[in-house]
Full PDB file with SEQRES, HELIX, SHEET, SSBOND, CRYST1, ORIGX, SCALE, CONECT and MASTER records, all heavy atoms in Angstrom:
SEQRES   1 A   34  MET LEU GLY LEU LEU ASN GLU ARG GLY TRP GLY MET PRO          
SEQRES   2 A   34  VAL ASP SER ALA GLN ALA GLU GLN TRP TYR ALA ARG ALA          
SEQRES   3 A   34  ALA ALA GLY GLY VAL ARG PRO ALA                              
HELIX    1 AA1 LEU A    2  ARG A    8  1                                   7    
HELIX    2 AA2 SER A   16  ALA A   28  1                                  13    
CRYST1    1.000    1.000    1.000  90.00  90.00  90.00 P 1           1          
ORIGX1      1.000000  0.000000  0.000000        0.00000                         
ORIGX2      0.000000  1.000000  0.000000        0.00000                         
ORIGX3      0.000000  0.000000  1.000000        0.00000                         
SCALE1      1.000000  0.000000  0.000000        0.00000                         
SCALE2      0.000000  1.000000  0.000000        0.00000                         
SCALE3      0.000000  0.000000  1.000000        0.00000                         
ATOM      1  N   MET A   1      -7.204   0.532  -4.745  1.00  0.00           N  
ATOM      2  CA  MET A   1      -6.807   1.896  -4.423  1.00  0.00           C  
ATOM      3  C   MET A   1      -5.515   1.906  -3.605  1.00  0.00           C  
ATOM      4  O   MET A   1      -4.644   2.759  -3.813  1.00  0.00           O  
ATOM      5  CB  MET A   1      -7.930   2.603  -3.674  1.00  0.00           C  
ATOM      6  CG  MET A   1      -9.168   2.844  -4.530  1.00  0.00           C  
ATOM      7  SD  MET A   1     -10.575   3.492  -3.592  1.00  0.00           S  
ATOM      8  CE  MET A   1      -9.949   5.116  -3.138  1.00  0.00           C  
ATOM      9  N   LEU A   2      -5.355   0.948  -2.693  1.00  0.00           N  
ATOM     10  CA  LEU A   2      -4.100   0.857  -1.938  1.00  0.00           C  
ATOM     11  C   LEU A   2      -2.933   0.511  -2.854  1.00  0.00           C  
ATOM     12  O   LEU A   2      -1.808   0.973  -2.664  1.00  0.00           O  
ATOM     13  CB  LEU A   2      -4.233  -0.176  -0.823  1.00  0.00           C  
ATOM     14  CG  LEU A   2      -4.778   0.333   0.515  1.00  0.00           C  
ATOM     15  CD1 LEU A   2      -4.909  -0.815   1.494  1.00  0.00           C  
ATOM     16  CD2 LEU A   2      -3.863   1.409   1.099  1.00  0.00           C  
ATOM     17  N   GLY A   3      -3.210  -0.327  -3.852  1.00  0.00           N  
ATOM     18  CA  GLY A   3      -2.167  -0.621  -4.828  1.00  0.00           C  
ATOM     19  C   GLY A   3      -1.699   0.636  -5.532  1.00  0.00           C  
ATOM     20  O   GLY A   3      -0.498   0.850  -5.719  1.00  0.00           O  
ATOM     21  N   LEU A   4      -2.645   1.506  -5.926  1.00  0.00           N  
ATOM     22  CA  LEU A   4      -2.283   2.763  -6.562  1.00  0.00           C  
ATOM     23  C   LEU A   4      -1.434   3.641  -5.650  1.00  0.00           C  
ATOM     24  O   LEU A   4      -0.417   4.212  -6.068  1.00  0.00           O  
ATOM     25  CB  LEU A   4      -3.554   3.521  -6.976  1.00  0.00           C  
ATOM     26  CG  LEU A   4      -4.296   3.044  -8.215  1.00  0.00           C  
ATOM     27  CD1 LEU A   4      -5.578   3.848  -8.398  1.00  0.00           C  
ATOM     28  CD2 LEU A   4      -3.417   3.164  -9.454  1.00  0.00           C  
ATOM     29  N   LEU A   5      -1.860   3.760  -4.399  1.00  0.00           N  
ATOM     30  CA  LEU A   5      -1.117   4.601  -3.464  1.00  0.00           C  
ATOM     31  C   LEU A   5       0.314   4.094  -3.294  1.00  0.00           C  
ATOM     32  O   LEU A   5       1.273   4.883  -3.267  1.00  0.00           O  
ATOM     33  CB  LEU A   5      -1.813   4.634  -2.102  1.00  0.00           C  
ATOM     34  CG  LEU A   5      -3.205   5.284  -2.044  1.00  0.00           C  
ATOM     35  CD1 LEU A   5      -3.732   5.284  -0.615  1.00  0.00           C  
ATOM     36  CD2 LEU A   5      -3.174   6.691  -2.595  1.00  0.00           C  
ATOM     37  N   ASN A   6       0.485   2.781  -3.182  1.00  0.00           N  
ATOM     38  CA  ASN A   6       1.830   2.221  -3.003  1.00  0.00           C  
ATOM     39  C   ASN A   6       2.669   2.333  -4.268  1.00  0.00           C  
ATOM     40  O   ASN A   6       3.866   2.610  -4.198  1.00  0.00           O  
ATOM     41  CB  ASN A   6       1.733   0.752  -2.568  1.00  0.00           C  
ATOM     42  CG  ASN A   6       1.466   0.599  -1.075  1.00  0.00           C  
ATOM     43  OD1 ASN A   6       2.358   0.665  -0.262  1.00  0.00           O  
ATOM     44  ND2 ASN A   6       0.188   0.401  -0.738  1.00  0.00           N  
ATOM     45  N   GLU A   7       2.034   2.127  -5.412  1.00  0.00           N  
ATOM     46  CA  GLU A   7       2.808   2.167  -6.660  1.00  0.00           C  
ATOM     47  C   GLU A   7       3.276   3.581  -6.987  1.00  0.00           C  
ATOM     48  O   GLU A   7       4.394   3.781  -7.454  1.00  0.00           O  
ATOM     49  CB  GLU A   7       1.960   1.632  -7.813  1.00  0.00           C  
ATOM     50  CG  GLU A   7       2.733   1.589  -9.134  1.00  0.00           C  
ATOM     51  CD  GLU A   7       1.895   1.185 -10.318  1.00  0.00           C  
ATOM     52  OE1 GLU A   7       0.655   1.136 -10.188  1.00  0.00           O  
ATOM     53  OE2 GLU A   7       2.465   0.934 -11.394  1.00  0.00           O  
ATOM     54  N   ARG A   8       2.430   4.571  -6.717  1.00  0.00           N  
ATOM     55  CA  ARG A   8       2.741   5.931  -7.120  1.00  0.00           C  
ATOM     56  C   ARG A   8       3.301   6.783  -5.997  1.00  0.00           C  
ATOM     57  O   ARG A   8       3.647   7.940  -6.196  1.00  0.00           O  
ATOM     58  CB  ARG A   8       1.483   6.580  -7.695  1.00  0.00           C  
ATOM     59  CG  ARG A   8       0.983   5.805  -8.909  1.00  0.00           C  
ATOM     60  CD  ARG A   8      -0.250   6.408  -9.528  1.00  0.00           C  
ATOM     61  NE  ARG A   8      -0.734   5.570 -10.624  1.00  0.00           N  
ATOM     62  CZ  ARG A   8      -1.794   5.860 -11.371  1.00  0.00           C  
ATOM     63  NH1 ARG A   8      -2.491   6.963 -11.134  1.00  0.00           N  
ATOM     64  NH2 ARG A   8      -2.174   5.047 -12.339  1.00  0.00           N  
ATOM     65  N   GLY A   9       3.385   6.212  -4.807  1.00  0.00           N  
ATOM     66  CA  GLY A   9       3.963   6.953  -3.694  1.00  0.00           C  
ATOM     67  C   GLY A   9       3.113   8.108  -3.229  1.00  0.00           C  
ATOM     68  O   GLY A   9       3.628   9.162  -2.852  1.00  0.00           O  
ATOM     69  N   TRP A  10       1.809   7.927  -3.253  1.00  0.00           N  
ATOM     70  CA  TRP A  10       0.892   8.973  -2.791  1.00  0.00           C  
ATOM     71  C   TRP A  10       0.702   8.839  -1.273  1.00  0.00           C  
ATOM     72  O   TRP A  10       0.069   7.918  -0.794  1.00  0.00           O  
ATOM     73  CB  TRP A  10      -0.454   8.851  -3.477  1.00  0.00           C  
ATOM     74  CG  TRP A  10      -0.433   9.275  -4.925  1.00  0.00           C  
ATOM     75  CD1 TRP A  10       0.492  10.057  -5.529  1.00  0.00           C  
ATOM     76  CD2 TRP A  10      -1.384   8.914  -5.932  1.00  0.00           C  
ATOM     77  NE1 TRP A  10       0.177  10.224  -6.861  1.00  0.00           N  
ATOM     78  CE2 TRP A  10      -0.967   9.538  -7.132  1.00  0.00           C  
ATOM     79  CE3 TRP A  10      -2.547   8.141  -5.937  1.00  0.00           C  
ATOM     80  CZ2 TRP A  10      -1.673   9.396  -8.322  1.00  0.00           C  
ATOM     81  CZ3 TRP A  10      -3.239   8.009  -7.113  1.00  0.00           C  
ATOM     82  CH2 TRP A  10      -2.806   8.635  -8.287  1.00  0.00           C  
ATOM     83  N   GLY A  11       1.290   9.761  -0.525  1.00  0.00           N  
ATOM     84  CA  GLY A  11       1.151   9.746   0.925  1.00  0.00           C  
ATOM     85  C   GLY A  11       2.000   8.708   1.610  1.00  0.00           C  
ATOM     86  O   GLY A  11       1.863   8.509   2.823  1.00  0.00           O  
ATOM     87  N   MET A  12       2.861   8.033   0.882  1.00  0.00           N  
ATOM     88  CA  MET A  12       3.707   6.971   1.446  1.00  0.00           C  
ATOM     89  C   MET A  12       4.863   6.739   0.482  1.00  0.00           C  
ATOM     90  O   MET A  12       4.801   7.133  -0.694  1.00  0.00           O  
ATOM     91  CB  MET A  12       2.898   5.676   1.632  1.00  0.00           C  
ATOM     92  CG  MET A  12       2.288   5.148   0.349  1.00  0.00           C  
ATOM     93  SD  MET A  12       1.203   3.717   0.636  1.00  0.00           S  
ATOM     94  CE  MET A  12      -0.129   4.478   1.577  1.00  0.00           C  
ATOM     95  N   PRO A  13       5.943   6.099   0.946  1.00  0.00           N  
ATOM     96  CA  PRO A  13       7.049   5.788   0.028  1.00  0.00           C  
ATOM     97  C   PRO A  13       6.588   4.822  -1.061  1.00  0.00           C  
ATOM     98  O   PRO A  13       5.708   3.980  -0.848  1.00  0.00           O  
ATOM     99  CB  PRO A  13       8.103   5.135   0.942  1.00  0.00           C  
ATOM    100  CG  PRO A  13       7.716   5.551   2.324  1.00  0.00           C  
ATOM    101  CD  PRO A  13       6.235   5.688   2.328  1.00  0.00           C  
ATOM    102  N   VAL A  14       7.158   4.946  -2.245  1.00  0.00           N  
ATOM    103  CA  VAL A  14       6.864   4.005  -3.336  1.00  0.00           C  
ATOM    104  C   VAL A  14       7.265   2.599  -2.895  1.00  0.00           C  
ATOM    105  O   VAL A  14       8.380   2.382  -2.399  1.00  0.00           O  
ATOM    106  CB  VAL A  14       7.622   4.397  -4.618  1.00  0.00           C  
ATOM    107  CG1 VAL A  14       7.457   3.315  -5.684  1.00  0.00           C  
ATOM    108  CG2 VAL A  14       7.126   5.744  -5.133  1.00  0.00           C  
ATOM    109  N   ASP A  15       6.350   1.658  -3.063  1.00  0.00           N  
ATOM    110  CA  ASP A  15       6.609   0.273  -2.659  1.00  0.00           C  
ATOM    111  C   ASP A  15       5.952  -0.635  -3.695  1.00  0.00           C  
ATOM    112  O   ASP A  15       4.792  -1.010  -3.586  1.00  0.00           O  
ATOM    113  CB  ASP A  15       6.036   0.008  -1.268  1.00  0.00           C  
ATOM    114  CG  ASP A  15       6.464  -1.353  -0.711  1.00  0.00           C  
ATOM    115  OD1 ASP A  15       6.815  -2.244  -1.519  1.00  0.00           O  
ATOM    116  OD2 ASP A  15       6.413  -1.529   0.516  1.00  0.00           O  
ATOM    117  N   SER A  16       6.718  -0.987  -4.733  1.00  0.00           N  
ATOM    118  CA  SER A  16       6.177  -1.784  -5.826  1.00  0.00           C  
ATOM    119  C   SER A  16       5.753  -3.178  -5.374  1.00  0.00           C  
ATOM    120  O   SER A  16       4.756  -3.721  -5.858  1.00  0.00           O  
ATOM    121  CB  SER A  16       7.211  -1.896  -6.962  1.00  0.00           C  
ATOM    122  OG  SER A  16       7.495  -0.633  -7.510  1.00  0.00           O  
ATOM    123  N   ALA A  17       6.518  -3.740  -4.453  1.00  0.00           N  
ATOM    124  CA  ALA A  17       6.175  -5.080  -3.986  1.00  0.00           C  
ATOM    125  C   ALA A  17       4.830  -5.069  -3.269  1.00  0.00           C  
ATOM    126  O   ALA A  17       3.980  -5.951  -3.470  1.00  0.00           O  
ATOM    127  CB  ALA A  17       7.267  -5.608  -3.066  1.00  0.00           C  
ATOM    128  N   GLN A  18       4.611  -4.067  -2.411  1.00  0.00           N  
ATOM    129  CA  GLN A  18       3.333  -3.972  -1.703  1.00  0.00           C  
ATOM    130  C   GLN A  18       2.207  -3.666  -2.679  1.00  0.00           C  
ATOM    131  O   GLN A  18       1.092  -4.202  -2.562  1.00  0.00           O  
ATOM    132  CB  GLN A  18       3.407  -2.871  -0.641  1.00  0.00           C  
ATOM    133  CG  GLN A  18       2.211  -2.845   0.310  1.00  0.00           C  
ATOM    134  CD  GLN A  18       2.121  -4.098   1.171  1.00  0.00           C  
ATOM    135  OE1 GLN A  18       3.111  -4.534   1.741  1.00  0.00           O  
ATOM    136  NE2 GLN A  18       0.939  -4.683   1.234  1.00  0.00           N  
ATOM    137  N   ALA A  19       2.501  -2.825  -3.661  1.00  0.00           N  
ATOM    138  CA  ALA A  19       1.488  -2.509  -4.677  1.00  0.00           C  
ATOM    139  C   ALA A  19       1.076  -3.774  -5.426  1.00  0.00           C  
ATOM    140  O   ALA A  19      -0.106  -4.005  -5.681  1.00  0.00           O  
ATOM    141  CB  ALA A  19       2.045  -1.477  -5.660  1.00  0.00           C  
ATOM    142  N   GLU A  20       2.070  -4.597  -5.762  1.00  0.00           N  
ATOM    143  CA  GLU A  20       1.748  -5.824  -6.487  1.00  0.00           C  
ATOM    144  C   GLU A  20       0.839  -6.733  -5.664  1.00  0.00           C  
ATOM    145  O   GLU A  20      -0.098  -7.327  -6.188  1.00  0.00           O  
ATOM    146  CB  GLU A  20       3.024  -6.576  -6.850  1.00  0.00           C  
ATOM    147  CG  GLU A  20       2.750  -7.796  -7.712  1.00  0.00           C  
ATOM    148  CD  GLU A  20       3.686  -8.947  -7.431  1.00  0.00           C  
ATOM    149  OE1 GLU A  20       4.397  -8.907  -6.400  1.00  0.00           O  
ATOM    150  OE2 GLU A  20       3.703  -9.888  -8.210  1.00  0.00           O  
ATOM    151  N   GLN A  21       1.094  -6.810  -4.358  1.00  0.00           N  
ATOM    152  CA  GLN A  21       0.260  -7.662  -3.502  1.00  0.00           C  
ATOM    153  C   GLN A  21      -1.185  -7.174  -3.483  1.00  0.00           C  
ATOM    154  O   GLN A  21      -2.118  -7.967  -3.601  1.00  0.00           O  
ATOM    155  CB  GLN A  21       0.827  -7.668  -2.088  1.00  0.00           C  
ATOM    156  CG  GLN A  21       2.172  -8.384  -1.960  1.00  0.00           C  
ATOM    157  CD  GLN A  21       2.661  -8.406  -0.525  1.00  0.00           C  
ATOM    158  OE1 GLN A  21       1.882  -8.505   0.420  1.00  0.00           O  
ATOM    159  NE2 GLN A  21       3.975  -8.328  -0.335  1.00  0.00           N  
ATOM    160  N   TRP A  22      -1.367  -5.841  -3.363  1.00  0.00           N  
ATOM    161  CA  TRP A  22      -2.738  -5.326  -3.342  1.00  0.00           C  
ATOM    162  C   TRP A  22      -3.419  -5.487  -4.695  1.00  0.00           C  
ATOM    163  O   TRP A  22      -4.588  -5.837  -4.778  1.00  0.00           O  
ATOM    164  CB  TRP A  22      -2.743  -3.858  -2.902  1.00  0.00           C  
ATOM    165  CG  TRP A  22      -2.487  -3.670  -1.435  1.00  0.00           C  
ATOM    166  CD1 TRP A  22      -1.447  -2.996  -0.868  1.00  0.00           C  
ATOM    167  CD2 TRP A  22      -3.281  -4.166  -0.354  1.00  0.00           C  
ATOM    168  NE1 TRP A  22      -1.537  -3.037   0.501  1.00  0.00           N  
ATOM    169  CE2 TRP A  22      -2.666  -3.741   0.850  1.00  0.00           C  
ATOM    170  CE3 TRP A  22      -4.452  -4.916  -0.276  1.00  0.00           C  
ATOM    171  CZ2 TRP A  22      -3.179  -4.046   2.103  1.00  0.00           C  
ATOM    172  CZ3 TRP A  22      -4.964  -5.222   0.977  1.00  0.00           C  
ATOM    173  CH2 TRP A  22      -4.350  -4.797   2.143  1.00  0.00           C  
ATOM    174  N   TYR A  23      -2.668  -5.233  -5.769  1.00  0.00           N  
ATOM    175  CA  TYR A  23      -3.239  -5.422  -7.117  1.00  0.00           C  
ATOM    176  C   TYR A  23      -3.649  -6.871  -7.329  1.00  0.00           C  
ATOM    177  O   TYR A  23      -4.692  -7.164  -7.931  1.00  0.00           O  
ATOM    178  CB  TYR A  23      -2.231  -5.018  -8.191  1.00  0.00           C  
ATOM    179  CG  TYR A  23      -2.079  -3.529  -8.396  1.00  0.00           C  
ATOM    180  CD1 TYR A  23      -0.844  -2.974  -8.715  1.00  0.00           C  
ATOM    181  CD2 TYR A  23      -3.169  -2.676  -8.312  1.00  0.00           C  
ATOM    182  CE1 TYR A  23      -0.685  -1.617  -8.926  1.00  0.00           C  
ATOM    183  CE2 TYR A  23      -3.022  -1.309  -8.512  1.00  0.00           C  
ATOM    184  CZ  TYR A  23      -1.776  -0.782  -8.822  1.00  0.00           C  
ATOM    185  OH  TYR A  23      -1.628   0.556  -9.034  1.00  0.00           O  
ATOM    186  N   ALA A  24      -2.816  -7.786  -6.847  1.00  0.00           N  
ATOM    187  CA  ALA A  24      -3.117  -9.210  -7.023  1.00  0.00           C  
ATOM    188  C   ALA A  24      -4.428  -9.580  -6.336  1.00  0.00           C  
ATOM    189  O   ALA A  24      -5.264 -10.292  -6.888  1.00  0.00           O  
ATOM    190  CB  ALA A  24      -1.970 -10.060  -6.489  1.00  0.00           C  
ATOM    191  N   ARG A  25      -4.626  -9.065  -5.113  1.00  0.00           N  
ATOM    192  CA  ARG A  25      -5.856  -9.377  -4.391  1.00  0.00           C  
ATOM    193  C   ARG A  25      -7.067  -8.736  -5.069  1.00  0.00           C  
ATOM    194  O   ARG A  25      -8.127  -9.362  -5.196  1.00  0.00           O  
ATOM    195  CB  ARG A  25      -5.733  -8.902  -2.948  1.00  0.00           C  
ATOM    196  CG  ARG A  25      -4.696  -9.704  -2.141  1.00  0.00           C  
ATOM    197  CD  ARG A  25      -4.497  -9.153  -0.730  1.00  0.00           C  
ATOM    198  NE  ARG A  25      -5.710  -9.281   0.081  1.00  0.00           N  
ATOM    199  CZ  ARG A  25      -5.771  -8.915   1.375  1.00  0.00           C  
ATOM    200  NH1 ARG A  25      -4.684  -8.416   1.962  1.00  0.00           N  
ATOM    201  NH2 ARG A  25      -6.891  -9.058   2.059  1.00  0.00           N  
ATOM    202  N   ALA A  26      -6.904  -7.503  -5.513  1.00  0.00           N  
ATOM    203  CA  ALA A  26      -8.014  -6.820  -6.174  1.00  0.00           C  
ATOM    204  C   ALA A  26      -8.326  -7.465  -7.518  1.00  0.00           C  
ATOM    205  O   ALA A  26      -9.495  -7.591  -7.908  1.00  0.00           O  
ATOM    206  CB  ALA A  26      -7.677  -5.342  -6.366  1.00  0.00           C  
ATOM    207  N   ALA A  27      -7.284  -7.891  -8.229  1.00  0.00           N  
ATOM    208  CA  ALA A  27      -7.493  -8.548  -9.521  1.00  0.00           C  
ATOM    209  C   ALA A  27      -8.269  -9.843  -9.342  1.00  0.00           C  
ATOM    210  O   ALA A  27      -9.200 -10.144 -10.097  1.00  0.00           O  
ATOM    211  CB  ALA A  27      -6.143  -8.821 -10.199  1.00  0.00           C  
ATOM    212  N   ALA A  28      -7.906 -10.613  -8.313  1.00  0.00           N  
ATOM    213  CA  ALA A  28      -8.633 -11.857  -8.035  1.00  0.00           C  
ATOM    214  C   ALA A  28     -10.080 -11.574  -7.657  1.00  0.00           C  
ATOM    215  O   ALA A  28     -10.964 -12.415  -7.870  1.00  0.00           O  
ATOM    216  CB  ALA A  28      -7.933 -12.624  -6.912  1.00  0.00           C  
ATOM    217  N   GLY A  29     -10.323 -10.362  -7.128  1.00  0.00           N  
ATOM    218  CA  GLY A  29     -11.680  -9.974  -6.762  1.00  0.00           C  
ATOM    219  C   GLY A  29     -12.475  -9.423  -7.934  1.00  0.00           C  
ATOM    220  O   GLY A  29     -13.618  -9.001  -7.737  1.00  0.00           O  
ATOM    221  N   GLY A  30     -11.863  -9.389  -9.123  1.00  0.00           N  
ATOM    222  CA  GLY A  30     -12.602  -8.995 -10.315  1.00  0.00           C  
ATOM    223  C   GLY A  30     -12.553  -7.526 -10.661  1.00  0.00           C  
ATOM    224  O   GLY A  30     -13.300  -7.070 -11.524  1.00  0.00           O  
ATOM    225  N   VAL A  31     -11.669  -6.740 -10.030  1.00  0.00           N  
ATOM    226  CA  VAL A  31     -11.563  -5.318 -10.359  1.00  0.00           C  
ATOM    227  C   VAL A  31     -10.764  -5.173 -11.652  1.00  0.00           C  
ATOM    228  O   VAL A  31      -9.567  -5.475 -11.684  1.00  0.00           O  
ATOM    229  CB  VAL A  31     -10.893  -4.534  -9.211  1.00  0.00           C  
ATOM    230  CG1 VAL A  31     -10.725  -3.069  -9.588  1.00  0.00           C  
ATOM    231  CG2 VAL A  31     -11.726  -4.663  -7.944  1.00  0.00           C  
ATOM    232  N   ARG A  32     -11.425  -4.697 -12.690  1.00  0.00           N  
ATOM    233  CA  ARG A  32     -10.797  -4.651 -14.015  1.00  0.00           C  
ATOM    234  C   ARG A  32      -9.517  -3.822 -14.057  1.00  0.00           C  
ATOM    235  O   ARG A  32      -8.492  -4.294 -14.577  1.00  0.00           O  
ATOM    236  CB  ARG A  32     -11.804  -4.112 -15.035  1.00  0.00           C  
ATOM    237  CG  ARG A  32     -11.309  -4.158 -16.460  1.00  0.00           C  
ATOM    238  CD  ARG A  32     -12.329  -3.502 -17.378  1.00  0.00           C  
ATOM    239  NE  ARG A  32     -12.290  -2.051 -17.217  1.00  0.00           N  
ATOM    240  CZ  ARG A  32     -13.168  -1.218 -17.775  1.00  0.00           C  
ATOM    241  NH1 ARG A  32     -14.175  -1.706 -18.476  1.00  0.00           N  
ATOM    242  NH2 ARG A  32     -13.070   0.086 -17.611  1.00  0.00           N  
ATOM    243  N   PRO A  33      -9.495  -2.579 -13.534  1.00  0.00           N  
ATOM    244  CA  PRO A  33      -8.241  -1.818 -13.584  1.00  0.00           C  
ATOM    245  C   PRO A  33      -7.118  -2.500 -12.810  1.00  0.00           C  
ATOM    246  O   PRO A  33      -5.951  -2.383 -13.192  1.00  0.00           O  
ATOM    247  CB  PRO A  33      -8.618  -0.472 -12.941  1.00  0.00           C  
ATOM    248  CG  PRO A  33     -10.099  -0.391 -13.008  1.00  0.00           C  
ATOM    249  CD  PRO A  33     -10.596  -1.798 -12.954  1.00  0.00           C  
ATOM    250  N   ALA A  34      -7.471  -3.205 -11.734  1.00  0.00           N  
ATOM    251  CA  ALA A  34      -6.441  -3.916 -10.967  1.00  0.00           C  
ATOM    252  C   ALA A  34      -5.863  -5.057 -11.804  1.00  0.00           C  
ATOM    253  O   ALA A  34      -4.653  -5.321 -11.750  1.00  0.00           O  
ATOM    254  CB  ALA A  34      -7.039  -4.452  -9.670  1.00  0.00           C  
TER     255      ALA A  34                                                      
MASTER        0    0    0    2    0    0    0    6  254    1    0    3          
END                                                                             
C-alpha cells in the first residue's frame, strides 16, 4: 500500500524510487499485486 501511495502521489509527492523499494519488500513477502 505504501508503494501505491508513493507511485501515484497520493498524499505525498510522487517518488518512484521509494515506491520500488516498498514494492520489492512486499513482493518478497508474497503479495501478488506487489
